[in-house]
């Protein structure tokens, strides 16, 4: 994948923590660590949107739709 170089300004404490992770070989370099962190954050923000949309659903209506026809189906199940 093609990469684009950008410049960012970071808090000194954050850079110190980042450098520690690189020294511990948790990441090959700072660029990779920042790329991974940014990708994870963007993915997490996408999931938040899904959760926000799900929160708009009417739980009672969703349950009724899920259970629709279950009474008839249960009667036809064999006993154990």
PDB file of N, CA and C in Angstrom:
ATOM      1  N   UNK A   1       0.837  -1.170   0.000  1.00  0.00           N
ATOM      2  CA  UNK A   1       0.000   0.000   0.000  1.00  0.00           C
ATOM      3  C   UNK A   1       0.885   1.237   0.000  1.00  0.00           C
ATOM      4  N   UNK A   2       0.490   2.211  -0.766  1.00  0.00           N
ATOM      5  CA  UNK A   2       1.260   3.456  -0.828  1.00  0.00           C
ATOM      6  C   UNK A   2       1.132   4.211   0.482  1.00  0.00           C
ATOM      7  N   UNK A   3       2.211   4.835   0.878  1.00  0.00           N
ATOM      8  CA  UNK A   3       2.235   5.603   2.127  1.00  0.00           C
ATOM      9  C   UNK A   3       2.388   7.071   1.801  1.00  0.00           C
ATOM     10  N   UNK A   4       1.805   7.906   2.638  1.00  0.00           N
ATOM     11  CA  UNK A   4       1.914   9.354   2.513  1.00  0.00           C
ATOM     12  C   UNK A   4       2.580   9.881   3.772  1.00  0.00           C
ATOM     13  N   UNK A   5       3.577  10.691   3.604  1.00  0.00           N
ATOM     14  CA  UNK A   5       4.291  11.249   4.743  1.00  0.00           C
ATOM     15  C   UNK A   5       3.561  12.490   5.232  1.00  0.00           C
ATOM     16  N   UNK A   6       3.358  12.581   6.554  1.00  0.00           N
ATOM     17  CA  UNK A   6       2.745  13.754   7.162  1.00  0.00           C
ATOM     18  C   UNK A   6       3.563  14.157   8.382  1.00  0.00           C
ATOM     19  N   UNK A   7       3.349  15.349   8.845  1.00  0.00           N
ATOM     20  CA  UNK A   7       4.019  15.824  10.052  1.00  0.00           C
ATOM     21  C   UNK A   7       2.967  16.030  11.133  1.00  0.00           C
ATOM     22  N   UNK A   8       3.266  15.596  12.340  1.00  0.00           N
ATOM     23  CA  UNK A   8       2.352  15.780  13.472  1.00  0.00           C
ATOM     24  C   UNK A   8       3.125  16.317  14.660  1.00  0.00           C
ATOM     25  N   UNK A   9       2.426  17.014  15.519  1.00  0.00           N
ATOM     26  CA  UNK A   9       3.019  17.484  16.772  1.00  0.00           C
ATOM     27  C   UNK A   9       2.400  16.687  17.907  1.00  0.00           C
ATOM     28  N   UNK A  10       3.245  16.132  18.774  1.00  0.00           N
ATOM     29  CA  UNK A  10       2.771  15.298  19.879  1.00  0.00           C
ATOM     30  C   UNK A  10       3.308  15.820  21.203  1.00  0.00           C
ATOM     31  N   UNK A  11       2.558  15.561  22.251  1.00  0.00           N
ATOM     32  CA  UNK A  11       2.986  15.892  23.602  1.00  0.00           C
ATOM     33  C   UNK A  11       4.278  15.130  23.921  1.00  0.00           C
ATOM     34  N   UNK A  12       5.208  15.758  24.612  1.00  0.00           N
ATOM     35  CA  UNK A  12       6.511  15.150  24.920  1.00  0.00           C
ATOM     36  C   UNK A  12       6.361  13.857  25.714  1.00  0.00           C
ATOM     37  N   UNK A  13       5.411  13.804  26.631  1.00  0.00           N
ATOM     38  CA  UNK A  13       5.203  12.576  27.416  1.00  0.00           C
ATOM     39  C   UNK A  13       4.727  11.434  26.527  1.00  0.00           C
ATOM     40  N   UNK A  14       3.916  11.757  25.571  1.00  0.00           N
ATOM     41  CA  UNK A  14       3.424  10.750  24.638  1.00  0.00           C
ATOM     42  C   UNK A  14       4.562  10.207  23.782  1.00  0.00           C
ATOM     43  N   UNK A  15       5.452  11.086  23.348  1.00  0.00           N
ATOM     44  CA  UNK A  15       6.612  10.663  22.548  1.00  0.00           C
ATOM     45  C   UNK A  15       7.526   9.768  23.395  1.00  0.00           C
ATOM     46  N   UNK A  16       7.694  10.104  24.659  1.00  0.00           N
ATOM     47  CA  UNK A  16       8.516   9.266  25.547  1.00  0.00           C
ATOM     48  C   UNK A  16       7.916   7.871  25.661  1.00  0.00           C
ATOM     49  N   UNK A  17       6.610   7.792  25.830  1.00  0.00           N
ATOM     50  CA  UNK A  17       5.947   6.477  25.912  1.00  0.00           C
ATOM     51  C   UNK A  17       6.080   5.722  24.596  1.00  0.00           C
ATOM     52  N   UNK A  18       5.952   6.439  23.504  1.00  0.00           N
ATOM     53  CA  UNK A  18       6.092   5.845  22.178  1.00  0.00           C
ATOM     54  C   UNK A  18       7.498   5.287  21.978  1.00  0.00           C
ATOM     55  N   UNK A  19       8.503   6.067  22.350  1.00  0.00           N
ATOM     56  CA  UNK A  19       9.895   5.626  22.225  1.00  0.00           C
ATOM     57  C   UNK A  19      10.158   4.379  23.063  1.00  0.00           C
ATOM     58  N   UNK A  20       9.550   4.308  24.230  1.00  0.00           N
ATOM     59  CA  UNK A  20       9.702   3.130  25.089  1.00  0.00           C
ATOM     60  C   UNK A  20       9.172   1.885  24.392  1.00  0.00           C
ATOM     61  N   UNK A  21       8.025   2.003  23.757  1.00  0.00           N
ATOM     62  CA  UNK A  21       7.451   0.856  23.038  1.00  0.00           C
ATOM     63  C   UNK A  21       8.360   0.406  21.895  1.00  0.00           C
ATOM     64  N   UNK A  22       8.974   1.360  21.217  1.00  0.00           N
ATOM     65  CA  UNK A  22       9.882   1.015  20.113  1.00  0.00           C
ATOM     66  C   UNK A  22      11.132   0.342  20.673  1.00  0.00           C
ATOM     67  N   UNK A  23      11.679   0.887  21.772  1.00  0.00           N
ATOM     68  CA  UNK A  23      12.877   0.266  22.395  1.00  0.00           C
ATOM     69  C   UNK A  23      12.579  -1.153  22.860  1.00  0.00           C
ATOM     70  N   UNK A  24      11.357  -1.392  23.325  1.00  0.00           N
ATOM     71  CA  UNK A  24      10.965  -2.728  23.788  1.00  0.00           C
ATOM     72  C   UNK A  24      10.627  -3.659  22.619  1.00  0.00           C
ATOM     73  N   UNK A  25      10.795  -3.163  21.420  1.00  0.00           N
ATOM     74  CA  UNK A  25      10.522  -3.921  20.187  1.00  0.00           C
ATOM     75  C   UNK A  25       9.049  -4.303  20.059  1.00  0.00           C
ATOM     76  N   UNK A  26       8.165  -3.535  20.673  1.00  0.00           N
ATOM     77  CA  UNK A  26       6.732  -3.765  20.491  1.00  0.00           C
ATOM     78  C   UNK A  26       6.298  -3.276  19.113  1.00  0.00           C
ATOM     79  N   UNK A  27       7.051  -2.307  18.579  1.00  0.00           N
ATOM     80  CA  UNK A  27       6.845  -1.794  17.226  1.00  0.00           C
ATOM     81  C   UNK A  27       8.212  -1.591  16.587  1.00  0.00           C
ATOM     82  N   UNK A  28       8.324  -1.752  15.268  1.00  0.00           N
ATOM     83  CA  UNK A  28       9.623  -1.573  14.622  1.00  0.00           C
ATOM     84  C   UNK A  28      10.095  -0.116  14.608  1.00  0.00           C
ATOM     85  N   UNK A  29       9.127   0.821  14.617  1.00  0.00           N
ATOM     86  CA  UNK A  29       9.478   2.246  14.614  1.00  0.00           C
ATOM     87  C   UNK A  29       8.274   3.068  15.047  1.00  0.00           C
ATOM     88  N   UNK A  30       8.497   4.352  15.263  1.00  0.00           N
ATOM     89  CA  UNK A  30       7.417   5.225  15.725  1.00  0.00           C
ATOM     90  C   UNK A  30       6.308   5.358  14.686  1.00  0.00           C
ATOM     91  N   UNK A  31       6.688   5.452  13.432  1.00  0.00           N
ATOM     92  CA  UNK A  31       5.676   5.600  12.376  1.00  0.00           C
ATOM     93  C   UNK A  31       4.690   4.434  12.383  1.00  0.00           C
ATOM     94  N   UNK A  32       5.231   3.233  12.527  1.00  0.00           N
ATOM     95  CA  UNK A  32       4.365   2.056  12.533  1.00  0.00           C
ATOM     96  C   UNK A  32       3.457   2.074  13.759  1.00  0.00           C
ATOM     97  N   UNK A  33       3.982   2.431  14.899  1.00  0.00           N
ATOM     98  CA  UNK A  33       3.183   2.476  16.126  1.00  0.00           C
ATOM     99  C   UNK A  33       2.044   3.481  15.993  1.00  0.00           C
ATOM    100  N   UNK A  34       2.333   4.642  15.440  1.00  0.00           N
ATOM    101  CA  UNK A  34       1.303   5.670  15.267  1.00  0.00           C
ATOM    102  C   UNK A  34       0.271   5.213  14.246  1.00  0.00           C
ATOM    103  N   UNK A  35       0.707   4.574  13.187  1.00  0.00           N
ATOM    104  CA  UNK A  35      -0.216   4.077  12.168  1.00  0.00           C
ATOM    105  C   UNK A  35      -1.173   3.044  12.766  1.00  0.00           C
ATOM    106  N   UNK A  36      -0.640   2.114  13.552  1.00  0.00           N
ATOM    107  CA  UNK A  36      -1.471   1.088  14.179  1.00  0.00           C
ATOM    108  C   UNK A  36      -2.465   1.728  15.147  1.00  0.00           C
ATOM    109  N   UNK A  37      -1.995   2.666  15.966  1.00  0.00           N
ATOM    110  CA  UNK A  37      -2.867   3.324  16.938  1.00  0.00           C
ATOM    111  C   UNK A  37      -3.985   4.097  16.235  1.00  0.00           C
ATOM    112  N   UNK A  38      -3.658   4.798  15.182  1.00  0.00           N
ATOM    113  CA  UNK A  38      -4.655   5.573  14.455  1.00  0.00           C
ATOM    114  C   UNK A  38      -5.682   4.659  13.795  1.00  0.00           C
ATOM    115  N   UNK A  39      -5.205   3.578  13.207  1.00  0.00           N
ATOM    116  CA  UNK A  39      -6.124   2.633  12.564  1.00  0.00           C
ATOM    117  C   UNK A  39      -7.081   2.030  13.590  1.00  0.00           C
ATOM    118  N   UNK A  40      -6.555   1.639  14.768  1.00  0.00           N
ATOM    119  CA  UNK A  40      -7.402   1.081  15.820  1.00  0.00           C
ATOM    120  C   UNK A  40      -8.435   2.100  16.292  1.00  0.00           C
ATOM    121  N   UNK A  41      -8.027   3.345  16.450  1.00  0.00           N
ATOM    122  CA  UNK A  41      -8.949   4.391  16.900  1.00  0.00           C
ATOM    123  C   UNK A  41     -10.043   4.630  15.876  1.00  0.00           C
ATOM    124  N   UNK A  42      -9.691   4.690  14.605  1.00  0.00           N
ATOM    125  CA  UNK A  42     -10.692   4.898  13.561  1.00  0.00           C
ATOM    126  C   UNK A  42     -11.670   3.727  13.488  1.00  0.00           C
ATOM    127  N   UNK A  43     -11.163   2.500  13.650  1.00  0.00           N
ATOM    128  CA  UNK A  43     -12.045   1.328  13.674  1.00  0.00           C
ATOM    129  C   UNK A  43     -13.002   1.408  14.862  1.00  0.00           C
ATOM    130  N   UNK A  44     -12.491   1.803  16.015  1.00  0.00           N
ATOM    131  CA  UNK A  44     -13.307   1.906  17.218  1.00  0.00           C
ATOM    132  C   UNK A  44     -14.396   2.977  17.038  1.00  0.00           C
ATOM    133  N   UNK A  45     -14.056   4.088  16.415  1.00  0.00           N
ATOM    134  CA  UNK A  45     -15.050   5.125  16.164  1.00  0.00           C
ATOM    135  C   UNK A  45     -16.157   4.615  15.246  1.00  0.00           C
ATOM    136  N   UNK A  46     -15.825   3.765  14.300  1.00  0.00           N
ATOM    137  CA  UNK A  46     -16.828   3.185  13.413  1.00  0.00           C
ATOM    138  C   UNK A  46     -17.786   2.301  14.194  1.00  0.00           C
ATOM    139  N   UNK A  47     -17.261   1.538  15.142  1.00  0.00           N
ATOM    140  CA  UNK A  47     -18.122   0.668  15.953  1.00  0.00           C
ATOM    141  C   UNK A  47     -19.019   1.494  16.867  1.00  0.00           C
ATOM    142  N   UNK A  48     -18.553   2.630  17.303  1.00  0.00           N
ATOM    143  CA  UNK A  48     -19.375   3.498  18.140  1.00  0.00           C
ATOM    144  C   UNK A  48     -20.599   3.948  17.358  1.00  0.00           C
ATOM    145  N   UNK A  49     -20.413   4.215  16.085  1.00  0.00           N
ATOM    146  CA  UNK A  49     -21.551   4.632  15.257  1.00  0.00           C
ATOM    147  C   UNK A  49     -22.583   3.517  15.187  1.00  0.00           C
ATOM    148  N   UNK A  50     -22.127   2.279  15.033  1.00  0.00           N
ATOM    149  CA  UNK A  50     -23.050   1.154  14.989  1.00  0.00           C
ATOM    150  C   UNK A  50     -23.808   1.042  16.307  1.00  0.00           C
ATOM    151  N   UNK A  51     -23.104   1.172  17.429  1.00  0.00           N
ATOM    152  CA  UNK A  51     -23.756   1.098  18.737  1.00  0.00           C
ATOM    153  C   UNK A  51     -24.772   2.224  18.900  1.00  0.00           C
ATOM    154  N   UNK A  52     -24.434   3.411  18.430  1.00  0.00           N
ATOM    155  CA  UNK A  52     -25.344   4.555  18.518  1.00  0.00           C
ATOM    156  C   UNK A  52     -26.616   4.291  17.708  1.00  0.00           C
ATOM    157  N   UNK A  53     -26.460   3.708  16.520  1.00  0.00           N
ATOM    158  CA  UNK A  53     -27.624   3.396  15.692  1.00  0.00           C
ATOM    159  C   UNK A  53     -28.466   2.290  16.328  1.00  0.00           C
ATOM    160  N   UNK A  54     -27.817   1.297  16.913  1.00  0.00           N
ATOM    161  CA  UNK A  54     -28.546   0.209  17.576  1.00  0.00           C
ATOM    162  C   UNK A  54     -29.339   0.720  18.776  1.00  0.00           C
ATOM    163  N   UNK A  55     -28.802   1.723  19.459  1.00  0.00           N
ATOM    164  CA  UNK A  55     -29.480   2.295  20.622  1.00  0.00           C
ATOM    165  C   UNK A  55     -30.802   2.948  20.230  1.00  0.00           C
ATOM    166  N   UNK A  56     -30.959   3.307  18.977  1.00  0.00           N
ATOM    167  CA  UNK A  56     -32.187   3.935  18.509  1.00  0.00           C
ATOM    168  C   UNK A  56     -33.320   2.923  18.318  1.00  0.00           C
ATOM    169  N   UNK A  57     -32.986   1.634  18.276  1.00  0.00           N
ATOM    170  CA  UNK A  57     -33.996   0.607  18.036  1.00  0.00           C
ATOM    171  C   UNK A  57     -34.906   0.459  19.243  1.00  0.00           C
ATOM    172  N   UNK A  58     -36.150   0.117  19.007  1.00  0.00           N
ATOM    173  CA  UNK A  58     -37.117  -0.149  20.061  1.00  0.00           C
ATOM    174  C   UNK A  58     -36.942  -1.614  20.470  1.00  0.00           C
ATOM    175  N   UNK A  59     -36.441  -1.839  21.692  1.00  0.00           N
ATOM    176  CA  UNK A  59     -36.124  -3.196  22.129  1.00  0.00           C
ATOM    177  C   UNK A  59     -37.364  -4.084  22.133  1.00  0.00           C
ATOM    178  N   UNK A  60     -38.498  -3.556  22.565  1.00  0.00           N
ATOM    179  CA  UNK A  60     -39.733  -4.351  22.589  1.00  0.00           C
ATOM    180  C   UNK A  60     -40.149  -4.778  21.197  1.00  0.00           C
ATOM    181  N   UNK A  61     -40.063  -3.857  20.251  1.00  0.00           N
ATOM    182  CA  UNK A  61     -40.430  -4.182  18.877  1.00  0.00           C
ATOM    183  C   UNK A  61     -39.463  -5.203  18.290  1.00  0.00           C
ATOM    184  N   UNK A  62     -38.180  -5.044  18.567  1.00  0.00           N
ATOM    185  CA  UNK A  62     -37.186  -5.996  18.062  1.00  0.00           C
ATOM    186  C   UNK A  62     -37.411  -7.386  18.646  1.00  0.00           C
ATOM    187  N   UNK A  63     -37.738  -7.456  19.940  1.00  0.00           N
ATOM    188  CA  UNK A  63     -37.993  -8.748  20.589  1.00  0.00           C
ATOM    189  C   UNK A  63     -39.235  -9.398  19.973  1.00  0.00           C
ATOM    190  N   UNK A  64     -40.277  -8.601  19.757  1.00  0.00           N
ATOM    191  CA  UNK A  64     -41.506  -9.131  19.164  1.00  0.00           C
ATOM    192  C   UNK A  64     -41.238  -9.690  17.775  1.00  0.00           C
ATOM    193  N   UNK A  65     -40.442  -8.981  16.998  1.00  0.00           N
ATOM    194  CA  UNK A  65     -40.101  -9.474  15.657  1.00  0.00           C
ATOM    195  C   UNK A  65     -39.299 -10.767  15.735  1.00  0.00           C
ATOM    196  N   UNK A  66     -38.364 -10.842  16.692  1.00  0.00           N
ATOM    197  CA  UNK A  66     -37.529 -12.031  16.821  1.00  0.00           C
ATOM    198  C   UNK A  66     -38.337 -13.243  17.274  1.00  0.00           C
ATOM    199  N   UNK A  67     -39.345 -12.987  18.114  1.00  0.00           N
ATOM    200  CA  UNK A  67     -40.130 -14.096  18.675  1.00  0.00           C
ATOM    201  C   UNK A  67     -41.360 -14.425  17.839  1.00  0.00           C
ATOM    202  N   UNK A  68     -41.588 -13.667  16.789  1.00  0.00           N
ATOM    203  CA  UNK A  68     -42.757 -13.885  15.946  1.00  0.00           C
ATOM    204  C   UNK A  68     -42.756 -15.310  15.409  1.00  0.00           C
ATOM    205  N   UNK A  69     -43.835 -16.005  15.647  1.00  0.00           N
ATOM    206  CA  UNK A  69     -43.950 -17.368  15.160  1.00  0.00           C
ATOM    207  C   UNK A  69     -43.282 -18.413  16.030  1.00  0.00           C
ATOM    208  N   UNK A  70     -42.619 -18.003  17.110  1.00  0.00           N
ATOM    209  CA  UNK A  70     -41.928 -18.974  17.973  1.00  0.00           C
ATOM    210  C   UNK A  70     -42.905 -19.919  18.661  1.00  0.00           C
ATOM    211  N   UNK A  71     -44.107 -19.453  19.037  1.00  0.00           N
ATOM    212  CA  UNK A  71     -45.067 -20.308  19.740  1.00  0.00           C
ATOM    213  C   UNK A  71     -45.434 -21.510  18.877  1.00  0.00           C
ATOM    214  N   UNK A  72     -45.678 -21.277  17.609  1.00  0.00           N
ATOM    215  CA  UNK A  72     -46.012 -22.377  16.716  1.00  0.00           C
ATOM    216  C   UNK A  72     -44.828 -23.322  16.532  1.00  0.00           C
ATOM    217  N   UNK A  73     -43.645 -22.774  16.392  1.00  0.00           N
ATOM    218  CA  UNK A  73     -42.465 -23.594  16.196  1.00  0.00           C
ATOM    219  C   UNK A  73     -42.179 -24.441  17.428  1.00  0.00           C
ATOM    220  N   UNK A  74     -42.337 -23.865  18.622  1.00  0.00           N
ATOM    221  CA  UNK A  74     -42.064 -24.611  19.850  1.00  0.00           C
ATOM    222  C   UNK A  74     -42.981 -25.812  19.988  1.00  0.00           C
ATOM    223  N   UNK A  75     -44.227 -25.691  19.562  1.00  0.00           N
ATOM    224  CA  UNK A  75     -45.176 -26.788  19.658  1.00  0.00           C
ATOM    225  C   UNK A  75     -44.766 -27.944  18.769  1.00  0.00           C
ATOM    226  N   UNK A  76     -44.052 -27.666  17.692  1.00  0.00           N
ATOM    227  CA  UNK A  76     -43.667 -28.739  16.776  1.00  0.00           C
ATOM    228  C   UNK A  76     -42.332 -29.379  17.115  1.00  0.00           C
ATOM    229  N   UNK A  77     -41.620 -28.857  18.129  1.00  0.00           N
ATOM    230  CA  UNK A  77     -40.335 -29.449  18.520  1.00  0.00           C
ATOM    231  C   UNK A  77     -40.560 -30.745  19.289  1.00  0.00           C
ATOM    232  N   UNK A  78     -39.735 -31.765  19.052  1.00  0.00           N
ATOM    233  CA  UNK A  78     -39.903 -33.021  19.798  1.00  0.00           C
ATOM    234  C   UNK A  78     -39.481 -32.861  21.256  1.00  0.00           C
ATOM    235  N   UNK A  79     -40.097 -33.631  22.140  1.00  0.00           N
ATOM    236  CA  UNK A  79     -39.726 -33.612  23.560  1.00  0.00           C
ATOM    237  C   UNK A  79     -38.483 -34.445  23.745  1.00  0.00           C
ATOM    238  N   UNK A  80     -37.677 -34.069  24.730  1.00  0.00           N
ATOM    239  CA  UNK A  80     -36.453 -34.826  25.033  1.00  0.00           C
ATOM    240  C   UNK A  80     -36.620 -35.627  26.266  1.00  0.00           C
TER     241      UNK A  80
END
